[in-house]
N, C-alpha and C. Protein backbone atom coordinates (compact mmCIF):
# COMPACT_ATOMS: atom_id res chain seq x y z
N UNK A 1 86.51 38.88 122.25
CA UNK A 1 85.83 40.36 122.67
C UNK A 1 85.19 40.59 121.36
N UNK A 2 84.00 41.15 121.55
CA UNK A 2 83.43 41.60 120.06
C UNK A 2 83.44 43.01 119.95
N UNK A 3 84.15 43.74 119.34
CA UNK A 3 84.12 45.26 118.84
C UNK A 3 83.10 45.85 118.45
N UNK A 4 82.40 46.32 119.18
CA UNK A 4 80.91 47.20 118.13
C UNK A 4 81.33 48.07 117.81
N UNK A 5 82.20 48.82 117.80
CA UNK A 5 82.61 50.39 117.50
C UNK A 5 83.51 50.33 116.60
N UNK A 6 84.48 49.06 115.98
CA UNK A 6 85.05 49.05 114.65
C UNK A 6 84.36 48.72 113.75
N UNK A 7 84.10 49.43 112.62
CA UNK A 7 83.66 48.45 111.48
C UNK A 7 84.79 48.02 110.30
N UNK A 8 84.81 47.19 109.77
CA UNK A 8 85.76 46.78 108.74
C UNK A 8 84.77 46.49 107.64
N UNK A 9 85.74 46.96 106.72
CA UNK A 9 84.96 47.56 105.34
C UNK A 9 86.04 46.51 104.05
N UNK A 10 85.17 46.16 103.34
CA UNK A 10 86.26 45.27 102.66
C UNK A 10 85.37 45.09 101.26
N UNK A 11 86.22 46.23 100.36
CA UNK A 11 85.98 46.24 98.63
C UNK A 11 86.23 44.91 98.39
N UNK A 12 85.07 44.01 97.34
CA UNK A 12 84.82 43.16 96.92
C UNK A 12 84.87 42.75 95.59
N UNK A 13 85.57 42.47 94.64
CA UNK A 13 84.91 42.03 93.24
C UNK A 13 85.04 40.45 92.86
N UNK A 14 84.16 39.60 92.69
CA UNK A 14 84.45 38.56 91.74
C UNK A 14 85.64 37.41 92.86
N UNK A 15 85.21 37.74 94.02
CA UNK A 15 85.91 37.33 95.22
C UNK A 15 85.27 35.98 95.96
N UNK A 16 84.46 35.64 95.37
CA UNK A 16 83.69 34.36 95.95
C UNK A 16 84.28 33.35 96.56
N UNK A 17 85.40 32.87 95.98
CA UNK A 17 86.05 31.50 95.94
C UNK A 17 86.96 31.86 97.24
N UNK A 18 87.38 33.11 97.65
CA UNK A 18 88.39 33.56 98.43
C UNK A 18 87.64 34.53 99.67
N UNK A 19 86.47 34.51 99.98
CA UNK A 19 86.27 35.51 100.90
C UNK A 19 85.59 35.14 101.71
N UNK A 20 84.92 33.69 101.78
CA UNK A 20 84.18 32.76 102.93
C UNK A 20 85.23 32.68 103.65
N UNK A 21 86.54 32.20 104.16
CA UNK A 21 87.91 32.07 104.90
C UNK A 21 87.76 33.53 105.71
N UNK A 22 88.28 34.65 105.09
CA UNK A 22 88.33 35.62 105.35
C UNK A 22 87.48 35.65 106.28
N UNK A 23 85.94 36.40 106.05
CA UNK A 23 84.90 36.54 106.86
C UNK A 23 84.53 35.40 108.14
N UNK A 24 84.96 34.40 107.68
CA UNK A 24 84.84 33.76 108.78
C UNK A 24 85.76 33.91 110.19
N UNK A 25 87.07 34.63 109.81
CA UNK A 25 88.12 34.61 111.13
C UNK A 25 87.78 35.89 111.55
N UNK A 26 86.91 37.18 110.25
CA UNK A 26 87.07 38.67 110.74
C UNK A 26 85.82 38.84 111.93
N UNK A 27 84.35 37.61 111.69
CA UNK A 27 83.47 37.65 112.15
C UNK A 27 83.49 36.94 113.62
N UNK A 28 84.80 36.61 113.96
CA UNK A 28 84.60 35.98 115.40
C UNK A 28 84.85 37.28 116.48
N UNK A 29 85.69 38.19 115.83
CA UNK A 29 85.97 39.27 116.80
C UNK A 29 85.10 40.52 116.16
N UNK A 30 84.80 40.66 115.24
CA UNK A 30 83.74 41.86 114.58
C UNK A 30 82.65 42.01 114.24
N UNK A 31 81.56 42.45 114.83
CA UNK A 31 80.32 42.48 114.52
C UNK A 31 79.99 43.00 113.22
N UNK A 32 80.92 44.10 113.04
CA UNK A 32 80.19 45.39 111.54
C UNK A 32 80.93 45.23 110.74
N UNK A 33 80.88 43.91 110.12
CA UNK A 33 81.88 43.80 108.50
C UNK A 33 80.79 44.15 107.64
N UNK A 34 81.76 45.19 106.96
CA UNK A 34 80.91 45.66 105.66
C UNK A 34 81.38 45.29 104.20
N UNK A 35 80.53 44.67 103.38
CA UNK A 35 81.45 43.91 102.14
C UNK A 35 80.76 44.60 101.29
N UNK A 36 81.66 45.72 100.32
CA UNK A 36 80.61 45.80 99.15
C UNK A 36 81.13 45.16 98.03
N UNK A 37 80.19 44.47 97.34
CA UNK A 37 79.90 43.72 96.38
C UNK A 37 80.23 45.33 94.99
N UNK A 38 81.39 44.83 94.42
CA UNK A 38 81.69 45.80 93.86
C UNK A 38 81.12 45.69 92.22
N UNK A 39 80.01 45.10 91.70
CA UNK A 39 79.47 44.54 90.64
C UNK A 39 79.81 43.59 90.29
N UNK A 40 80.10 42.54 91.16
CA UNK A 40 80.91 40.87 90.78
C UNK A 40 79.82 40.04 89.56
N UNK A 41 80.15 39.27 89.11
CA UNK A 41 79.67 38.45 88.50
C UNK A 41 79.24 36.76 88.94
N UNK A 42 80.20 36.78 90.08
CA UNK A 42 79.86 35.49 90.78
C UNK A 42 79.27 35.60 92.43
N UNK A 43 79.34 34.91 92.68
CA UNK A 43 78.37 34.64 93.98
C UNK A 43 79.12 35.76 95.46
N UNK A 44 79.60 36.44 95.28
CA UNK A 44 80.08 37.29 96.27
C UNK A 44 79.56 37.86 97.33
N UNK A 45 78.10 38.41 96.71
CA UNK A 45 77.62 38.96 97.95
C UNK A 45 76.74 37.81 98.53
N UNK A 46 76.56 36.79 97.95
CA UNK A 46 75.93 35.58 98.73
C UNK A 46 76.61 34.82 99.79
N UNK A 47 78.29 35.16 99.43
CA UNK A 47 79.33 34.31 100.78
C UNK A 47 79.07 35.74 101.47
N UNK A 48 79.29 36.87 101.42
CA UNK A 48 79.34 37.82 102.61
C UNK A 48 77.54 37.84 103.36
N UNK A 49 76.61 37.71 102.40
CA UNK A 49 75.37 37.40 103.45
C UNK A 49 75.59 35.99 104.11
N UNK A 50 75.71 35.14 103.40
CA UNK A 50 75.83 34.11 104.47
C UNK A 50 76.51 33.84 105.96
N UNK A 51 77.91 35.07 105.60
CA UNK A 51 78.84 35.07 106.72
C UNK A 51 78.52 35.92 108.16
N UNK A 52 76.56 36.33 107.38
CA UNK A 52 76.35 37.36 108.35
C UNK A 52 76.81 38.72 108.14
N UNK A 53 77.81 39.15 107.12
CA UNK A 53 78.00 40.45 106.91
C UNK A 53 77.02 41.73 106.34
N UNK A 54 77.29 43.14 106.63
CA UNK A 54 76.70 43.86 105.82
C UNK A 54 76.98 44.01 104.44
N UNK A 55 76.37 44.01 103.25
CA UNK A 55 76.16 43.75 102.09
C UNK A 55 75.90 44.74 101.20
N UNK A 56 76.50 45.55 100.90
CA UNK A 56 75.92 46.53 99.88
C UNK A 56 76.60 46.53 98.93
N UNK A 57 76.12 46.78 97.86
CA UNK A 57 76.09 45.95 96.38
C UNK A 57 76.07 47.17 95.13
N UNK A 58 77.11 47.31 94.21
CA UNK A 58 77.58 48.30 93.28
C UNK A 58 76.55 47.61 92.04
N UNK A 59 75.97 48.11 91.41
CA UNK A 59 75.08 47.37 90.36
C UNK A 59 76.35 47.40 89.25
N UNK A 60 77.08 47.99 88.91
CA UNK A 60 78.43 47.82 87.85
C UNK A 60 79.66 48.13 88.64
N UNK A 61 80.62 47.51 87.97
CA UNK A 61 82.29 47.51 88.70
C UNK A 61 82.72 49.32 88.55
N UNK A 62 82.95 49.71 89.91
CA UNK A 62 83.10 51.34 90.16
C UNK A 62 84.36 51.16 90.42
N UNK A 63 84.77 50.22 90.49
CA UNK A 63 86.45 50.33 91.02
C UNK A 63 86.76 50.68 92.63
N UNK A 64 87.77 49.80 93.19
CA UNK A 64 88.05 50.23 94.58
C UNK A 64 87.93 50.96 95.48
N UNK A 65 88.40 51.88 94.66
CA UNK A 65 88.08 53.61 95.42
C UNK A 65 86.57 53.77 95.55
N UNK A 66 86.08 53.34 94.70
CA UNK A 66 84.22 54.28 94.99
C UNK A 66 83.85 52.80 95.96
N UNK A 67 84.52 51.79 95.98
CA UNK A 67 83.38 50.62 96.90
C UNK A 67 84.13 51.03 98.36
N UNK A 68 85.24 51.47 98.18
CA UNK A 68 85.84 51.91 99.36
C UNK A 68 84.96 53.06 100.29
N UNK A 69 84.81 54.17 99.40
CA UNK A 69 83.95 55.47 99.66
C UNK A 69 82.73 54.82 99.91
N UNK A 70 81.78 54.19 99.55
CA UNK A 70 80.83 53.53 99.49
C UNK A 70 80.58 52.62 101.21
N UNK A 71 81.38 52.09 101.36
CA UNK A 71 81.56 51.11 102.78
C UNK A 71 82.21 52.29 103.68
N UNK A 72 82.94 53.34 103.76
CA UNK A 72 83.50 54.22 104.89
C UNK A 72 81.75 55.26 104.73
N UNK A 73 81.24 55.76 103.96
CA UNK A 73 79.97 56.46 103.93
C UNK A 73 79.31 55.79 104.64
N UNK A 74 78.94 54.34 104.36
CA UNK A 74 78.08 53.93 105.49
C UNK A 74 78.56 53.65 106.43
N UNK A 75 79.86 53.06 107.20
CA UNK A 75 79.95 52.84 108.28
C UNK A 75 80.10 54.13 109.10
N UNK A 76 80.40 55.25 108.53
CA UNK A 76 80.33 56.62 109.57
C UNK A 76 78.48 56.70 109.38
N UNK A 77 77.92 56.87 108.52
CA UNK A 77 76.38 56.81 108.98
C UNK A 77 76.06 55.94 109.93
N UNK A 78 76.23 54.86 109.87
CA UNK A 78 75.49 53.64 111.03
C UNK A 78 76.28 54.06 112.46
N UNK A 79 77.04 54.76 112.31
CA UNK A 79 77.53 55.53 114.00
C UNK A 79 79.13 54.91 114.43
N UNK A 80 80.72 54.38 113.18
CA UNK A 80 81.04 53.83 113.50
C UNK A 80 82.23 54.82 114.12
N UNK A 81 83.04 54.40 114.78
CA UNK A 81 83.84 55.32 115.55
C UNK A 81 85.02 54.81 114.96
N UNK A 82 85.50 53.57 114.88
CA UNK A 82 86.61 53.24 113.94
C UNK A 82 86.65 52.18 112.94
N UNK A 83 87.48 52.85 111.66
CA UNK A 83 87.31 51.59 110.30
C UNK A 83 88.69 51.06 109.97
N UNK A 84 88.13 49.85 109.74
CA UNK A 84 89.53 49.13 109.06
C UNK A 84 89.34 48.82 107.28
N UNK A 85 90.38 48.87 106.68
CA UNK A 85 90.19 48.59 105.27
C UNK A 85 90.93 47.43 105.26
N UNK A 86 90.14 46.32 104.49
CA UNK A 86 90.84 45.23 104.40
C UNK A 86 90.56 44.58 103.32
N UNK A 87 91.68 44.20 102.81
CA UNK A 87 91.52 42.94 101.32
C UNK A 87 90.74 41.82 101.71
N UNK A 88 90.09 41.59 100.35
CA UNK A 88 88.74 40.44 100.15
C UNK A 88 89.35 39.15 100.04
N UNK A 89 90.69 39.66 99.40
CA UNK A 89 91.21 37.96 99.06
C UNK A 89 92.41 37.08 100.12
N UNK A 90 92.31 37.56 101.17
CA UNK A 90 93.38 36.70 101.91
C UNK A 90 94.80 37.00 102.38
N UNK A 91 95.13 38.04 102.07
CA UNK A 91 96.32 38.69 101.98
C UNK A 91 96.94 39.51 103.28
N UNK A 92 95.55 39.84 103.94
CA UNK A 92 95.81 40.41 105.49
C UNK A 92 95.20 39.37 106.37
N UNK A 93 96.52 39.63 107.50
CA UNK A 93 95.99 38.71 108.65
C UNK A 93 95.34 39.29 109.61
N UNK A 94 93.85 38.28 109.97
CA UNK A 94 92.95 38.79 111.27
C UNK A 94 93.78 39.22 112.40
N UNK A 95 94.93 38.73 112.60
CA UNK A 95 95.91 38.56 113.84
C UNK A 95 96.35 40.00 113.97
N UNK A 96 96.57 40.45 112.80
CA UNK A 96 97.73 41.91 112.79
C UNK A 96 96.39 43.40 113.25
N UNK A 97 95.07 42.74 113.12
CA UNK A 97 94.45 43.94 113.33
C UNK A 97 94.47 44.54 114.89
N UNK A 98 94.67 43.82 115.82
CA UNK A 98 95.05 44.25 116.93
C UNK A 98 96.16 45.78 117.18
N UNK A 99 97.08 45.04 116.27
CA UNK A 99 98.60 45.85 116.52
C UNK A 99 98.13 47.00 115.72
N UNK A 100 97.44 46.97 114.61
CA UNK A 100 97.06 48.28 113.55
C UNK A 100 96.53 48.96 114.30
N UNK A 101 95.06 48.33 114.93
CA UNK A 101 93.93 49.68 115.65
C UNK A 101 94.72 49.96 116.69
N UNK A 102 95.59 50.03 117.08
CA UNK A 102 96.33 49.96 118.98
C UNK A 102 96.18 51.23 118.98
N UNK A 103 96.99 52.22 118.32
CA UNK A 103 97.47 53.52 118.06
C UNK A 103 96.21 54.35 117.80
N UNK A 104 95.41 54.08 116.72
CA UNK A 104 94.01 54.56 116.66
C UNK A 104 93.19 54.26 117.94
N UNK A 105 93.16 53.03 118.06
CA UNK A 105 92.19 53.20 119.87
C UNK A 105 92.17 53.80 120.75
N UNK A 106 93.85 54.21 120.85
CA UNK A 106 94.20 54.96 122.11
C UNK A 106 94.27 56.71 121.68
N UNK A 107 93.86 56.90 120.59
CA UNK A 107 93.79 58.01 120.72
C UNK A 107 95.20 58.86 119.79
N UNK A 108 96.47 57.83 119.92
CA UNK A 108 97.54 58.76 119.22
C UNK A 108 97.46 59.36 117.46
N UNK A 109 96.93 58.45 116.84
CA UNK A 109 96.81 58.60 115.66
C UNK A 109 95.44 58.70 115.32
N UNK A 110 94.91 59.44 113.73
CA UNK A 110 93.67 58.93 113.37
C UNK A 110 93.78 58.30 112.23
N UNK A 111 95.06 58.04 111.79
CA UNK A 111 95.09 56.78 110.66
C UNK A 111 96.62 55.93 110.63
N UNK A 112 96.64 54.99 110.68
CA UNK A 112 97.48 53.86 110.56
C UNK A 112 97.18 52.69 109.50
N UNK A 113 98.73 53.03 108.91
CA UNK A 113 98.55 52.12 107.35
C UNK A 113 99.67 50.96 108.15
N UNK A 114 98.94 49.50 107.26
CA UNK A 114 99.91 48.79 107.72
C UNK A 114 100.95 48.58 106.64
N UNK A 115 101.62 47.64 106.73
CA UNK A 115 102.70 47.14 105.70
C UNK A 115 103.17 46.02 105.59
N UNK A 116 103.22 45.44 104.09
CA UNK A 116 103.58 43.80 103.95
C UNK A 116 105.19 43.89 103.84
N UNK A 117 105.94 44.99 104.06
CA UNK A 117 107.58 44.81 103.96
C UNK A 117 108.40 45.02 105.33
N UNK A 118 107.60 45.30 106.66
CA UNK A 118 108.58 45.56 107.76
C UNK A 118 108.99 44.63 108.35
N UNK A 119 108.25 43.21 108.03
CA UNK A 119 108.86 42.02 108.29
C UNK A 119 109.90 41.30 107.07
N UNK A 120 109.57 41.76 105.89
CA UNK A 120 109.93 41.71 104.83
C UNK A 120 109.90 40.09 104.50
N UNK A 121 108.44 39.44 104.97
CA UNK A 121 108.19 38.42 104.78
C UNK A 121 107.12 38.08 103.66
N UNK A 122 107.16 39.47 103.20
CA UNK A 122 106.05 39.42 101.71
C UNK A 122 106.40 38.59 100.51
N UNK A 123 105.69 38.21 99.91
CA UNK A 123 105.95 37.08 98.73
C UNK A 123 105.93 38.11 97.49
N UNK A 124 106.16 38.73 96.87
CA UNK A 124 105.91 39.68 95.88
C UNK A 124 106.82 39.59 94.72
N UNK A 125 106.50 39.55 93.73
CA UNK A 125 107.19 39.12 92.42
C UNK A 125 108.37 40.42 92.56
N UNK A 126 109.46 39.73 92.04
CA UNK A 126 110.51 40.89 92.10
C UNK A 126 110.17 42.22 90.71
N UNK A 127 109.57 42.37 90.23
CA UNK A 127 109.30 43.26 89.30
C UNK A 127 108.60 44.19 89.91
N UNK A 128 107.04 43.84 90.56
CA UNK A 128 106.12 44.51 91.23
C UNK A 128 107.01 45.36 92.22
N UNK A 129 107.96 44.05 93.34
CA UNK A 129 108.43 44.97 94.35
C UNK A 129 109.22 45.89 93.95
N UNK A 130 110.26 46.05 92.87
CA UNK A 130 110.62 47.55 92.51
C UNK A 130 109.71 48.19 92.14
N UNK A 131 108.53 48.52 91.46
CA UNK A 131 107.84 49.17 91.08
C UNK A 131 106.89 49.78 92.64
N UNK A 132 106.60 48.98 93.50
CA UNK A 132 106.29 49.44 94.77
C UNK A 132 107.35 50.33 95.22
N UNK A 133 108.72 50.25 95.37
CA UNK A 133 109.71 50.60 95.53
C UNK A 133 109.55 52.57 95.60
N UNK A 134 109.43 52.21 93.58
CA UNK A 134 109.30 53.29 93.15
C UNK A 134 108.33 54.36 93.42
N UNK A 135 106.93 53.68 93.77
CA UNK A 135 105.73 54.42 94.33
C UNK A 135 106.21 55.16 95.62
N UNK A 136 106.76 54.43 96.58
CA UNK A 136 107.38 54.48 97.67
C UNK A 136 108.22 55.82 97.74
N UNK A 137 109.20 55.94 97.00
CA UNK A 137 110.28 56.96 96.29
C UNK A 137 109.52 58.16 96.39
N UNK A 138 108.53 57.90 95.26
CA UNK A 138 107.55 59.30 94.54
C UNK A 138 106.68 59.72 95.46
N UNK A 139 105.95 58.73 96.34
CA UNK A 139 104.81 59.05 97.56
C UNK A 139 106.24 60.43 98.22
N UNK A 140 107.11 59.94 98.99
CA UNK A 140 108.35 60.56 99.78
C UNK A 140 108.33 61.94 99.16
N UNK A 141 108.46 61.93 97.81
CA UNK A 141 109.35 63.09 97.08
C UNK A 141 108.03 64.22 97.01
N UNK A 142 106.80 63.71 96.72
CA UNK A 142 105.82 64.59 96.66
C UNK A 142 105.17 64.74 98.05
N UNK A 143 105.35 64.04 99.18
CA UNK A 143 104.24 64.73 100.03
C UNK A 143 105.25 64.70 101.30
N UNK A 144 106.27 64.21 101.56
CA UNK A 144 106.99 64.38 102.32
C UNK A 144 107.10 62.82 103.60
N UNK A 145 106.11 62.37 103.00
CA UNK A 145 105.78 60.96 104.22
C UNK A 145 106.65 59.85 103.63
N UNK A 146 107.21 59.53 104.43
CA UNK A 146 107.70 57.82 103.90
C UNK A 146 106.96 56.81 104.42
N UNK A 147 106.82 56.12 103.43
CA UNK A 147 105.51 54.97 103.94
C UNK A 147 106.61 53.77 103.30
N UNK A 148 106.07 52.80 104.07
CA UNK A 148 107.00 51.24 103.70
C UNK A 148 106.30 50.50 102.90
N UNK A 149 104.73 51.14 102.79
CA UNK A 149 103.80 50.38 101.74
C UNK A 149 102.91 51.05 101.39
N UNK A 150 102.84 51.87 100.59
CA UNK A 150 101.73 52.78 100.00
C UNK A 150 100.75 52.52 99.57
N UNK A 151 100.92 51.17 98.58
CA UNK A 151 99.51 50.77 98.45
C UNK A 151 98.99 49.20 99.12
N UNK A 152 98.94 49.63 100.22
CA UNK A 152 98.39 48.83 101.25
C UNK A 152 96.68 48.49 101.47
N UNK A 153 96.35 47.74 101.22
CA UNK A 153 94.82 48.07 101.53
C UNK A 153 94.55 47.54 102.79
N UNK A 154 95.37 47.55 104.07
CA UNK A 154 95.61 47.35 105.52
C UNK A 154 95.47 48.78 106.33
N UNK A 155 94.31 49.14 106.47
CA UNK A 155 94.41 50.57 106.91
C UNK A 155 93.81 51.33 108.28
N UNK A 156 93.83 51.63 109.30
CA UNK A 156 92.89 51.80 110.40
C UNK A 156 92.59 53.34 110.60
N UNK A 157 91.01 53.49 110.47
CA UNK A 157 90.98 54.99 110.82
C UNK A 157 90.27 55.63 112.13
N UNK A 158 90.23 56.58 112.48
CA UNK A 158 89.10 56.78 113.49
C UNK A 158 88.43 57.54 112.92
N UNK A 159 87.30 57.87 113.56
CA UNK A 159 86.07 58.34 112.72
C UNK A 159 86.38 59.77 112.16
N UNK A 160 87.21 60.33 113.44
CA UNK A 160 87.71 61.70 112.92
C UNK A 160 88.38 61.54 111.72
N UNK A 161 89.32 60.83 111.39
CA UNK A 161 90.18 60.33 109.77
C UNK A 161 89.48 59.53 108.73
N UNK A 162 88.56 59.26 109.40
CA UNK A 162 87.85 58.98 108.00
C UNK A 162 86.79 59.91 107.82
N UNK A 163 86.22 61.11 108.61
CA UNK A 163 85.38 62.01 108.00
C UNK A 163 86.20 63.23 107.44
N UNK A 164 87.64 62.70 107.26
CA UNK A 164 88.45 64.16 106.86
C UNK A 164 89.52 63.86 105.74
N UNK A 165 89.06 62.33 105.21
CA UNK A 165 89.97 61.87 104.23
C UNK A 165 90.15 62.50 103.28
N UNK A 166 90.71 62.66 102.10
CA UNK A 166 91.34 62.78 101.19
C UNK A 166 90.03 62.29 99.71
């Protein structure tokens, strides 16, 4: 089943070598895949175009946040009802999309955030795992929101959630 109301947005910087397989799997189920080539010096944009994606390009590298902003703004203007952020490097699995999207599609929440640590299967080096735990603690102390993975690029948003993001 191809999801027409869901836009998958992918910020990409010099990811030509890893992007193809990610897009191949995503494009089987999702028609609207938006790749923002964030000033890459490799063939990232060409790989995305070849996969049939919508390709937006920053002339210079502006960073992941700016690339996400560009993709989300484009998706909202194109009529997206739901938006998923997805990393270009293959660390997320397309097979996890239905579970991430379900509460958003059902209207239960406006934002769902994936986690690499719920099943304890993430292969994260010990120092980075420690730093991510400290980030979780900081996020909880500052916001009162407990997240298992606050630096995860795998998120689903309703249109309302995307329009009202901070």
